[in-house]
Amino acid sequence: MESLDYSKSLEQIENDYWDEAEYDSYVVRTCHSMRKKPLSEVTIEELRLVIGQGFSLEYLMPIAIEKLNENILAHGDLYGGDLFFNVISKNTIDYWKSHKEDWKALLELYNKNKDVIDSSLSSTKPFVKNFENFKIIHD
């Protein structure tokens, strides 16, 4: 993939301009507004939420990996590590299947930060299940 132009929005990059949100919920409002802002201004909360919805992963996952390299427990509005949790959720499996190098990089990042992750996230059953599924994608 080409280098991302962080001055552009997802709408500009994908040439896919969404109409105004027809449903008034936090998720819908956040997804719609995030698509209109430059990638350089996208927050961790927006990344967490939109990645959790499973769209625009081609552009958002590299940004998320950058953020996780800076802080493995980077978080939006929920809890420490919520970005990592969504990055390995079931909605991202197809991305990881087609991006083996990114998958390897995230495994390395996990291994490098295993103690921190284990003390914060590994006690939650959903995280453990997601991570077990993530680890075997390319086995």
Protein backbone atom coordinates (compact mmCIF):
# COMPACT_ATOMS: atom_id res chain seq x y z
CA MET A 1 0.00 0.00 0.00
CA GLU A 2 1.14 3.51 -0.74
CA SER A 3 2.12 5.85 2.03
CA LEU A 4 -0.91 7.46 3.66
CA ASP A 5 -1.55 11.14 3.17
CA TYR A 6 -2.52 12.13 6.71
CA SER A 7 -3.84 15.48 5.49
CA LYS A 8 -6.72 13.72 3.72
CA SER A 9 -9.90 12.27 5.17
CA LEU A 10 -11.11 8.72 4.64
CA GLU A 11 -13.80 10.12 2.37
CA GLN A 12 -11.14 11.71 0.17
CA ILE A 13 -8.83 8.68 0.20
CA GLU A 14 -11.57 6.18 -0.55
CA ASN A 15 -13.50 8.59 -2.80
CA ASP A 16 -16.60 7.51 -0.89
CA TYR A 17 -18.59 10.39 0.53
CA TRP A 18 -21.23 9.40 3.04
CA ASP A 19 -24.53 11.19 3.38
CA GLU A 20 -25.53 12.67 6.70
CA ALA A 21 -26.20 10.08 9.37
CA GLU A 22 -29.79 8.90 9.33
CA TYR A 23 -29.63 7.36 12.78
CA ASP A 24 -28.70 9.38 15.85
CA SER A 25 -26.41 7.26 17.99
CA TYR A 26 -22.91 7.76 19.35
CA VAL A 27 -21.49 5.08 17.06
CA VAL A 28 -23.13 6.42 13.91
CA ARG A 29 -22.32 10.06 14.66
CA THR A 30 -18.70 9.25 15.50
CA CYS A 31 -18.15 7.08 12.42
CA HIS A 32 -19.66 9.67 10.10
CA SER A 33 -17.78 12.63 11.56
CA MET A 34 -14.45 10.77 11.69
CA ARG A 35 -14.64 9.98 7.97
CA LYS A 36 -14.69 13.71 7.20
CA LYS A 37 -11.61 14.77 9.18
CA PRO A 38 -7.96 14.50 8.16
CA LEU A 39 -6.34 11.26 9.30
CA SER A 40 -3.85 13.35 11.28
CA GLU A 41 -6.73 14.47 13.51
CA VAL A 42 -8.34 11.07 14.11
CA THR A 43 -8.41 10.25 17.82
CA ILE A 44 -7.69 6.92 19.46
CA GLU A 45 -11.36 6.74 20.45
CA GLU A 46 -12.39 7.15 16.81
CA LEU A 47 -9.85 4.53 15.72
CA ARG A 48 -11.09 2.14 18.39
CA LEU A 49 -14.70 2.62 17.44
CA VAL A 50 -14.37 2.47 13.66
CA ILE A 51 -11.94 -0.47 13.72
CA GLY A 52 -14.39 -2.23 16.00
CA GLN A 53 -17.04 -1.69 13.32
CA GLY A 54 -14.69 -3.30 10.80
CA PHE A 55 -14.53 -0.70 8.05
CA SER A 56 -11.73 1.23 6.35
CA LEU A 57 -9.22 -1.13 7.96
CA GLU A 58 -6.84 -0.80 5.02
CA TYR A 59 -6.17 2.78 6.10
CA LEU A 60 -6.91 2.74 9.81
CA MET A 61 -5.06 -0.38 10.90
CA PRO A 62 -1.59 1.01 10.06
CA ILE A 63 -2.44 4.10 12.14
CA ALA A 64 -3.62 1.91 15.00
CA ILE A 65 -0.40 -0.11 14.87
CA GLU A 66 1.58 3.14 15.07
CA LYS A 67 -0.43 4.20 18.12
CA LEU A 68 0.07 0.80 19.76
CA ASN A 69 3.82 1.06 19.12
CA GLU A 70 3.77 4.31 21.05
CA ASN A 71 1.60 2.89 23.86
CA ILE A 72 0.42 -0.70 23.83
CA LEU A 73 -2.39 0.26 26.22
CA ALA A 74 -3.53 3.26 24.16
CA HIS A 75 -7.18 3.77 24.80
CA GLY A 76 -10.27 5.59 23.78
CA ASP A 77 -13.12 6.22 26.16
CA LEU A 78 -13.46 2.75 27.66
CA TYR A 79 -10.33 1.32 29.33
CA GLY A 80 -6.60 0.98 28.93
CA GLY A 81 -5.96 -1.33 26.00
CA ASP A 82 -9.35 -0.91 24.33
CA LEU A 83 -7.66 -0.03 21.02
CA PHE A 84 -5.60 -3.26 21.09
CA PHE A 85 -8.73 -5.22 21.97
CA ASN A 86 -10.58 -3.90 18.91
CA VAL A 87 -7.56 -4.31 16.64
CA ILE A 88 -7.72 -8.08 17.24
CA SER A 89 -11.52 -8.38 17.30
CA LYS A 90 -13.51 -10.73 15.07
CA ASN A 91 -14.34 -7.80 12.76
CA THR A 92 -10.67 -7.50 11.79
CA ILE A 93 -9.86 -11.12 10.93
CA ASP A 94 -10.11 -10.62 7.16
CA TYR A 95 -7.67 -7.72 7.38
CA TRP A 96 -5.11 -9.84 9.24
CA LYS A 97 -5.54 -12.76 6.82
CA SER A 98 -4.57 -10.52 3.91
CA HIS A 99 -1.85 -8.54 5.73
CA LYS A 100 0.55 -11.14 7.09
CA GLU A 101 3.40 -8.66 7.62
CA ASP A 102 1.19 -6.44 9.79
CA TRP A 103 0.01 -9.57 11.63
CA LYS A 104 3.63 -10.52 12.36
CA ALA A 105 4.37 -6.96 13.50
CA LEU A 106 1.46 -7.00 15.92
CA LEU A 107 2.51 -10.40 17.31
CA GLU A 108 6.01 -8.99 17.88
CA LEU A 109 4.52 -5.94 19.53
CA TYR A 110 2.44 -8.18 21.79
CA ASN A 111 5.48 -10.29 22.72
CA LYS A 112 7.53 -7.18 23.45
CA ASN A 113 4.79 -5.86 25.77
CA LYS A 114 3.47 -9.17 27.08
CA ASP A 115 3.93 -8.34 30.78
CA VAL A 116 2.08 -5.04 30.49
CA ILE A 117 -0.71 -6.59 28.43
CA ASP A 118 -1.03 -9.60 30.72
CA SER A 119 -1.32 -7.42 33.80
CA SER A 120 -4.00 -5.26 32.17
CA LEU A 121 -5.99 -7.31 29.67
CA SER A 122 -5.33 -11.01 29.90
CA SER A 123 -7.69 -11.55 32.80
CA THR A 124 -10.66 -10.68 30.58
CA LYS A 125 -12.09 -13.71 28.80
CA PRO A 126 -13.05 -11.82 25.62
CA PHE A 127 -9.47 -10.55 25.20
CA VAL A 128 -7.99 -13.99 25.71
CA LYS A 129 -10.41 -15.51 23.19
CA ASN A 130 -9.75 -12.77 20.63
CA PHE A 131 -6.01 -13.08 21.03
CA GLU A 132 -6.07 -16.88 20.73
CA ASN A 133 -8.02 -16.51 17.46
CA PHE A 134 -5.64 -13.78 16.28
CA LYS A 135 -2.50 -15.84 16.95
CA ILE A 136 -3.59 -18.74 14.74
CA ILE A 137 -4.66 -16.74 11.68
CA HIS A 138 -1.48 -17.68 9.78
CA ASP A 139 -0.68 -21.02 11.40
